[in-house]
Amino acid sequence: MASIKDVAAEAGVSVATVSRVLNDHPSVSAEARTRVLAAVETLGYRPNAVARSLRTDQTHTLGLVISDVLNPYFTELARSVEEEARALGYSVIIGNADERPDLQDHHVRNLLDRRIDGLLVSPTDGGSPLMLDAARAGTPMVFVDRWIPGVEVPVVRADGRGAVRDLVAHLHGLGHRRLAIIAGPAATTTGRERVEAFREALGAYGLELPDAYIGQGDFQADSGRRVTEGFLDLPEPPEVVFAADNLMALGALDAVRARGLRVPDDLALAAFDDIRWFVHTDPPITAIAQPTGELGRAAVRALVDRIEGRPGESVTLPARLVVRRSCGEPVPASPEPDPAQAPAVQPPVTNRSHS
């Protein structure tokens, strides 16, 4: 493997000149820069990233701690983060917290020990002292999807309130009046926000959200199954179940089928966080779609801004409702008769006698 000395010899310059070229120092002449870059290309030289990080105090590495790598939402988010980071010259190390605060702390500690330049986190709870101390100490950080209230860190997230209102309007228009929700963990901001948005949207139609129609889930399929079974056992089951997460919606669908019931004939179903699988379920599931790829890219840009000394702004993008068949079909209105299509009225026939 070629060394920096080999590059210097090939280009006919000093090692110091090669170093200045590789670090984009302005003091190098255009002619020397051209020779060095040509030597780098010819020899296939790759700078030692560890050595460079010791000199520049930067590793060009970002840390990403996500809540659940098996959740398709976070899988897509991680992919968009990696793609945008690579485009901006950064690598990404990913840690999966698996919705566990202790694992979240483990990954945050390891990433900080690796001297990452910045940290993207989707907090699993109200925040660990380790993460909060890192933020207060000046570690460039951005919260994505979830956040910790009161912490001065940019937040990149989707606003689902408008889409939840659209969902409730859709359900109300289909004639549904008993609506229930499978909530996410109360310790997460998204878990609380989606319940509040659902309650407010129901209130606009004079509908209540009784405690019996609020089931506590954990963003996992098993909890969606368990909560839906409880709803079905109520003396007056709901007409609709709104799962505040895609995996809980799949669990709810399993519970309905296990009872020999059908969606939407016996129970309508909707979900927050649209995923590609929902178009293949039977029936396809109505869902609120977040702009996941855009969120990941915006989060990286905000973090790089902070790393490079710019403010790094919070970003909120709108979610949208995707209507499919899992909540029922609109009842077609009786067509009004078209006067132009009505048969012509014939005058009555009378018999007249002629005298």
Protein backbone atom coordinates (compact mmCIF):
# COMPACT_ATOMS: atom_id res chain seq x y z
CA MET A 1 0.00 0.00 0.00
CA ALA A 2 1.38 3.40 -0.99
CA SER A 3 2.44 5.83 1.74
CA ILE A 4 2.47 9.61 1.84
CA LYS A 5 6.24 9.45 1.22
CA ASP A 6 5.62 7.48 -1.97
CA VAL A 7 3.17 10.17 -3.14
CA ALA A 8 5.72 12.89 -2.40
CA ALA A 9 8.42 11.07 -4.36
CA GLU A 10 6.08 10.44 -7.31
CA ALA A 11 5.00 14.10 -7.42
CA GLY A 12 8.51 15.48 -6.78
CA VAL A 13 7.40 17.51 -3.75
CA SER A 14 7.88 17.34 0.00
CA VAL A 15 5.73 15.29 2.36
CA ALA A 16 4.53 18.58 3.89
CA THR A 17 3.26 19.73 0.49
CA VAL A 18 1.34 16.48 0.01
CA SER A 19 -0.21 16.93 3.45
CA ARG A 20 -1.26 20.49 2.64
CA VAL A 21 -2.87 19.34 -0.63
CA LEU A 22 -4.77 16.53 1.09
CA ASN A 23 -6.03 18.97 3.72
CA ASP A 24 -7.02 21.52 1.06
CA HIS A 25 -4.61 24.15 2.36
CA PRO A 26 -4.66 27.34 0.21
CA SER A 27 -0.89 27.89 0.33
CA VAL A 28 -0.13 25.24 -2.34
CA SER A 29 0.39 26.32 -5.96
CA ALA A 30 -2.00 25.04 -8.59
CA GLU A 31 0.84 23.24 -10.41
CA ALA A 32 2.01 21.40 -7.26
CA ARG A 33 -1.59 20.51 -6.36
CA THR A 34 -2.12 18.98 -9.79
CA ARG A 35 1.04 16.86 -9.52
CA VAL A 36 0.11 15.62 -6.03
CA LEU A 37 -3.43 14.67 -7.01
CA ALA A 38 -2.13 12.87 -10.09
CA ALA A 39 0.32 10.92 -7.91
CA VAL A 40 -2.47 10.02 -5.48
CA GLU A 41 -4.52 8.69 -8.39
CA THR A 42 -1.64 6.77 -9.93
CA LEU A 43 -0.56 5.11 -6.69
CA GLY A 44 -4.07 4.56 -5.33
CA TYR A 45 -3.06 6.30 -2.10
CA ARG A 46 -5.60 6.40 0.72
CA PRO A 47 -4.96 8.69 3.70
CA ASN A 48 -4.95 7.10 7.14
CA ALA A 49 -8.27 8.18 8.63
CA VAL A 50 -7.15 7.65 12.23
CA ALA A 51 -4.00 9.69 11.79
CA ARG A 52 -5.92 12.45 10.05
CA SER A 53 -8.50 12.57 12.85
CA LEU A 54 -5.72 13.07 15.40
CA ARG A 55 -4.40 16.03 13.40
CA THR A 56 -7.72 17.67 12.55
CA ASP A 57 -9.78 16.57 15.58
CA GLN A 58 -12.41 15.29 13.14
CA THR A 59 -13.22 11.72 12.11
CA HIS A 60 -15.84 12.54 9.44
CA THR A 61 -18.02 9.97 11.17
CA LEU A 62 -21.58 10.40 12.42
CA GLY A 63 -23.34 8.27 15.00
CA LEU A 64 -26.99 7.22 14.56
CA VAL A 65 -28.93 5.62 17.42
CA ILE A 66 -32.34 4.41 16.27
CA SER A 67 -35.13 2.94 18.35
CA ASP A 68 -35.76 -0.32 16.47
CA VAL A 69 -33.86 -1.46 13.39
CA LEU A 70 -36.57 -4.08 12.65
CA ASN A 71 -39.21 -1.39 12.28
CA PRO A 72 -39.44 -0.59 8.55
CA TYR A 73 -39.77 3.12 9.35
CA PHE A 74 -36.39 3.23 11.09
CA THR A 75 -34.81 0.99 8.46
CA GLU A 76 -35.75 3.49 5.76
CA LEU A 77 -34.67 6.37 7.97
CA ALA A 78 -31.23 4.81 8.53
CA ARG A 79 -30.80 4.24 4.81
CA SER A 80 -31.55 7.86 3.93
CA VAL A 81 -29.21 9.06 6.70
CA GLU A 82 -26.35 6.92 5.36
CA GLU A 83 -26.93 8.05 1.77
CA GLU A 84 -26.98 11.76 2.65
CA ALA A 85 -23.99 11.46 4.97
CA ARG A 86 -21.97 9.71 2.26
CA ALA A 87 -22.85 12.45 -0.21
CA LEU A 88 -21.49 15.03 2.26
CA GLY A 89 -18.29 13.10 2.94
CA TYR A 90 -19.23 11.38 6.19
CA SER A 91 -19.54 7.77 7.29
CA VAL A 92 -22.23 6.53 9.69
CA ILE A 93 -22.04 4.10 12.62
CA ILE A 94 -25.49 2.80 13.59
CA GLY A 95 -26.63 1.57 16.99
CA ASN A 96 -29.97 -0.17 17.55
CA ALA A 97 -31.54 0.67 20.92
CA ASP A 98 -34.36 -1.87 20.48
CA GLU A 99 -36.66 0.53 22.41
CA ARG A 100 -34.48 0.02 25.52
CA PRO A 101 -33.00 3.04 27.35
CA ASP A 102 -30.07 0.95 28.65
CA LEU A 103 -29.09 -0.08 25.11
CA GLN A 104 -29.49 3.50 23.97
CA ASP A 105 -26.97 4.59 26.63
CA HIS A 106 -24.62 1.78 25.65
CA HIS A 107 -24.54 2.93 22.02
CA VAL A 108 -24.24 6.62 22.89
CA ARG A 109 -21.26 5.88 25.17
CA ASN A 110 -19.51 3.75 22.54
CA LEU A 111 -20.06 6.32 19.80
CA LEU A 112 -18.70 9.14 21.94
CA ASP A 113 -15.66 7.01 22.78
CA ARG A 114 -15.06 6.58 19.04
CA ARG A 115 -14.81 10.36 18.73
CA ILE A 116 -17.65 10.75 16.27
CA ASP A 117 -18.14 14.28 14.94
CA GLY A 118 -21.87 14.35 15.70
CA LEU A 119 -24.79 12.29 16.92
CA LEU A 120 -28.28 11.63 15.56
CA VAL A 121 -30.67 10.11 18.11
CA SER A 122 -34.29 8.99 18.17
CA PRO A 123 -34.72 8.87 21.97
CA THR A 124 -36.39 5.82 23.45
CA ASP A 125 -37.50 7.76 26.56
CA GLY A 126 -37.20 11.12 28.27
CA GLY A 127 -33.44 11.02 27.85
CA SER A 128 -30.48 9.53 29.67
CA PRO A 129 -28.09 11.66 31.78
CA LEU A 130 -25.26 10.51 29.51
CA MET A 131 -26.93 11.86 26.37
CA LEU A 132 -28.07 15.05 28.06
CA ASP A 133 -24.58 15.69 29.44
CA ALA A 134 -23.12 15.19 25.95
CA ALA A 135 -25.57 17.71 24.50
CA ARG A 136 -24.81 20.26 27.22
CA ALA A 137 -21.07 19.71 26.75
CA GLY A 138 -21.37 20.83 23.15
CA THR A 139 -21.42 17.52 21.25
CA PRO A 140 -23.15 18.31 17.94
CA MET A 141 -26.47 16.51 18.18
CA VAL A 142 -29.83 16.35 16.39
CA PHE A 143 -32.98 14.55 17.50
CA VAL A 144 -34.87 12.80 14.70
CA ASP A 145 -38.51 11.62 14.82
CA ARG A 146 -38.61 11.82 18.63
CA TRP A 147 -37.22 14.47 20.92
CA ILE A 148 -36.67 15.44 24.56
CA PRO A 149 -38.69 18.50 25.61
CA GLY A 150 -36.65 21.30 27.09
CA VAL A 151 -33.31 20.21 25.60
CA GLU A 152 -31.77 22.77 23.23
CA VAL A 153 -31.11 20.38 20.36
CA PRO A 154 -32.53 20.74 16.83
CA VAL A 155 -35.40 18.37 16.11
CA VAL A 156 -36.20 16.93 12.67
CA ARG A 157 -39.64 15.38 12.66
CA ALA A 158 -42.96 14.97 10.88
CA ASP A 159 -46.12 16.74 12.03
CA GLY A 160 -48.91 14.18 11.94
CA ARG A 161 -51.69 16.28 13.48
CA GLY A 162 -53.11 17.43 10.16
CA ALA A 163 -53.05 13.88 8.80
CA VAL A 164 -54.76 12.55 11.95
CA ARG A 165 -57.52 15.13 11.44
CA ASP A 166 -57.87 13.97 7.85
CA LEU A 167 -58.07 10.37 9.03
CA VAL A 168 -60.83 11.09 11.56
CA ALA A 169 -62.74 13.07 8.93
CA HIS A 170 -62.45 10.08 6.59
CA LEU A 171 -63.67 7.67 9.28
CA HIS A 172 -66.53 9.96 10.30
CA GLY A 173 -67.58 10.26 6.66
CA LEU A 174 -67.75 6.46 6.46
CA GLY A 175 -70.17 6.47 9.38
CA HIS A 176 -67.81 5.26 12.13
CA ARG A 177 -68.48 6.68 15.59
CA ARG A 178 -66.71 4.33 18.03
CA LEU A 179 -63.01 4.86 17.45
CA ALA A 180 -60.20 3.37 19.53
CA ILE A 181 -56.41 3.84 19.52
CA ILE A 182 -53.44 1.58 20.25
CA ALA A 183 -51.02 4.07 21.78
CA GLY A 184 -47.24 3.92 21.80
CA PRO A 185 -45.10 4.17 24.94
CA ALA A 186 -46.11 7.15 27.05
CA ALA A 187 -42.43 7.91 27.67
CA THR A 188 -41.91 8.86 24.01
CA THR A 189 -42.98 12.19 22.58
CA THR A 190 -44.53 10.52 19.53
CA GLY A 191 -46.50 8.14 21.74
CA ARG A 192 -48.12 11.02 23.64
CA GLU A 193 -48.56 13.31 20.66
CA ARG A 194 -50.49 10.81 18.54
CA VAL A 195 -53.02 10.13 21.29
CA GLU A 196 -53.50 13.87 21.87
CA ALA A 197 -53.96 14.51 18.15
CA PHE A 198 -56.48 11.68 17.87
CA ARG A 199 -58.47 12.93 20.88
CA GLU A 200 -58.56 16.49 19.50
CA ALA A 201 -59.67 15.31 16.06
CA LEU A 202 -62.50 13.28 17.58
CA GLY A 203 -63.58 16.27 19.67
CA ALA A 204 -64.11 18.31 16.52
CA TYR A 205 -66.97 15.89 15.70
CA GLY A 206 -68.34 15.76 19.23
CA LEU A 207 -66.88 12.28 19.77
CA GLU A 208 -65.13 11.18 22.94
CA LEU A 209 -62.17 8.88 23.46
CA PRO A 210 -63.08 6.84 26.55
CA ASP A 211 -60.35 5.16 28.58
CA ALA A 212 -61.61 1.74 27.45
CA TYR A 213 -60.77 2.73 23.88
CA ILE A 214 -57.14 3.62 24.67
CA GLY A 215 -54.85 0.59 24.65
CA GLN A 216 -51.24 0.82 25.78
CA GLY A 217 -48.81 -0.63 23.24
CA ASP A 218 -45.04 -0.52 22.83
CA PHE A 219 -44.58 -0.06 19.06
CA GLN A 220 -44.27 -3.86 18.65
CA ALA A 221 -46.63 -6.25 16.86
CA ASP A 222 -47.34 -8.36 19.96
CA SER A 223 -48.72 -5.37 21.81
CA GLY A 224 -50.99 -4.51 18.87
CA ARG A 225 -52.34 -8.04 18.94
CA ARG A 226 -52.89 -8.01 22.72
CA VAL A 227 -54.60 -4.62 22.80
CA THR A 228 -56.91 -5.48 19.89
CA GLU A 229 -57.97 -8.69 21.60
CA GLY A 230 -58.94 -6.58 24.61
CA PHE A 231 -60.95 -4.22 22.43
CA LEU A 232 -62.83 -7.15 20.85
CA ASP A 233 -63.73 -8.48 24.32
CA LEU A 234 -65.45 -5.24 25.36
CA PRO A 235 -69.26 -5.30 25.78
CA GLU A 236 -69.36 -2.65 23.04
CA PRO A 237 -66.24 -3.08 20.88
CA PRO A 238 -65.00 -0.15 18.80
CA GLU A 239 -65.83 0.11 15.12
CA VAL A 240 -62.31 1.30 14.25
CA VAL A 241 -58.85 0.66 15.69
CA PHE A 242 -56.16 3.26 14.92
CA ALA A 243 -52.70 1.85 15.62
CA ALA A 244 -50.14 4.57 16.38
CA ASP A 245 -47.40 2.53 14.68
CA ASN A 246 -47.10 0.20 11.70
CA LEU A 247 -46.00 -2.94 13.58
CA MET A 248 -48.86 -2.59 16.08
CA ALA A 249 -51.25 -2.36 13.12
CA LEU A 250 -49.98 -5.68 11.78
CA GLY A 251 -50.51 -7.21 15.23
CA ALA A 252 -54.05 -5.83 15.27
CA LEU A 253 -54.74 -7.40 11.87
CA ASP A 254 -53.55 -10.76 13.20
CA ALA A 255 -55.88 -10.49 16.22
CA VAL A 256 -58.91 -9.82 14.02
CA ARG A 257 -58.15 -12.78 11.78
CA ALA A 258 -57.54 -15.08 14.75
CA ARG A 259 -61.13 -14.43 15.85
CA GLY A 260 -62.46 -15.39 12.43
CA LEU A 261 -63.41 -11.76 11.81
CA ARG A 262 -62.73 -9.57 8.82
CA VAL A 263 -61.33 -6.10 8.20
CA PRO A 264 -63.18 -3.82 7.58
CA ASP A 265 -66.51 -5.70 7.79
CA ASP A 266 -66.21 -6.47 11.51
CA LEU A 267 -63.51 -3.97 12.54
CA ALA A 268 -61.93 -1.16 10.54
CA LEU A 269 -58.18 -0.60 10.87
CA ALA A 270 -55.84 2.35 10.26
CA ALA A 271 -52.20 2.99 11.14
CA PHE A 272 -49.62 5.68 11.70
CA ASP A 273 -46.39 5.17 9.69
CA ASP A 274 -47.16 3.84 6.23
CA ILE A 275 -44.96 1.00 4.99
CA ARG A 276 -44.70 -0.80 1.66
CA TRP A 277 -46.20 -3.96 3.14
CA PHE A 278 -49.55 -2.26 3.65
CA VAL A 279 -50.40 -2.40 -0.06
CA HIS A 280 -50.00 -6.19 0.07
CA THR A 281 -52.17 -6.92 3.14
CA ASP A 282 -55.76 -8.07 2.70
CA PRO A 283 -57.26 -5.54 2.67
CA PRO A 284 -54.62 -2.87 2.02
CA ILE A 285 -54.31 -0.70 5.15
CA THR A 286 -55.18 2.98 5.35
CA ALA A 287 -52.21 4.76 6.89
CA ILE A 288 -50.57 8.07 7.69
CA ALA A 289 -47.33 8.35 5.71
CA GLN A 290 -44.33 10.24 7.01
CA PRO A 291 -41.75 11.70 4.57
CA THR A 292 -39.15 9.32 6.01
CA GLY A 293 -36.43 9.75 3.40
CA GLU A 294 -36.69 13.54 3.55
CA LEU A 295 -36.49 13.43 7.35
CA GLY A 296 -33.28 11.40 7.28
CA ARG A 297 -31.65 13.70 4.77
CA ALA A 298 -32.73 16.84 6.61
CA ALA A 299 -31.41 15.43 9.90
CA VAL A 300 -27.96 14.84 8.39
CA ARG A 301 -27.83 18.33 6.92
CA ALA A 302 -28.81 19.87 10.26
CA LEU A 303 -26.14 17.86 12.07
CA VAL A 304 -23.40 18.71 9.56
CA ASP A 305 -24.35 22.38 9.92
CA ARG A 306 -23.74 22.12 13.66
CA ILE A 307 -20.47 20.23 13.17
CA GLU A 308 -19.22 22.92 10.79
CA GLY A 309 -20.20 25.80 13.05
CA ARG A 310 -23.54 26.78 11.54
CA PRO A 311 -26.71 26.95 13.67
CA GLY A 312 -28.47 23.79 12.45
CA GLU A 313 -32.19 24.42 12.36
CA SER A 314 -35.13 22.26 13.46
CA VAL A 315 -37.22 20.93 10.57
CA THR A 316 -40.88 19.88 10.64
CA LEU A 317 -42.40 18.24 7.58
CA PRO A 318 -46.08 17.36 7.07
CA ALA A 319 -47.35 13.79 7.08
CA ARG A 320 -50.22 12.78 4.80
CA LEU A 321 -53.13 10.38 4.82
CA VAL A 322 -53.10 7.46 2.36
CA VAL A 323 -56.62 6.01 2.01
CA ARG A 324 -56.97 2.33 1.20
CA ARG A 325 -59.73 -0.24 1.84
CA SER A 326 -59.18 -1.21 5.49
CA CYS A 327 -61.70 1.29 6.84
CA GLY A 328 -64.52 0.56 4.41
CA GLU A 329 -65.83 1.93 1.18
CA PRO A 330 -67.90 5.10 0.92
CA VAL A 331 -71.59 4.40 0.58
CA PRO A 332 -72.59 5.62 -2.87
CA ALA A 333 -75.28 8.26 -2.79
CA SER A 334 -78.52 7.54 -4.56
CA PRO A 335 -78.27 9.22 -7.94
CA GLU A 336 -80.63 12.07 -8.56
CA PRO A 337 -82.91 11.51 -11.55
CA ASP A 338 -81.69 13.35 -14.62
CA PRO A 339 -84.58 15.32 -16.16
CA ALA A 340 -82.97 14.97 -19.56
CA GLN A 341 -83.14 11.18 -19.26
CA ALA A 342 -86.76 11.05 -18.04
CA PRO A 343 -89.29 9.66 -20.52
CA ALA A 344 -91.36 12.23 -22.26
CA VAL A 345 -94.81 12.65 -20.78
CA GLN A 346 -97.45 11.75 -23.36
CA PRO A 347 -100.74 13.61 -23.33
CA PRO A 348 -103.68 11.47 -22.27
CA VAL A 349 -105.60 9.80 -25.07
CA THR A 350 -109.27 10.63 -25.12
CA ASN A 351 -112.01 9.10 -27.17
CA ARG A 352 -114.19 11.61 -28.87
CA SER A 353 -117.36 10.79 -30.63
CA HIS A 354 -118.28 12.80 -33.69
CA SER A 355 -121.86 13.51 -34.25
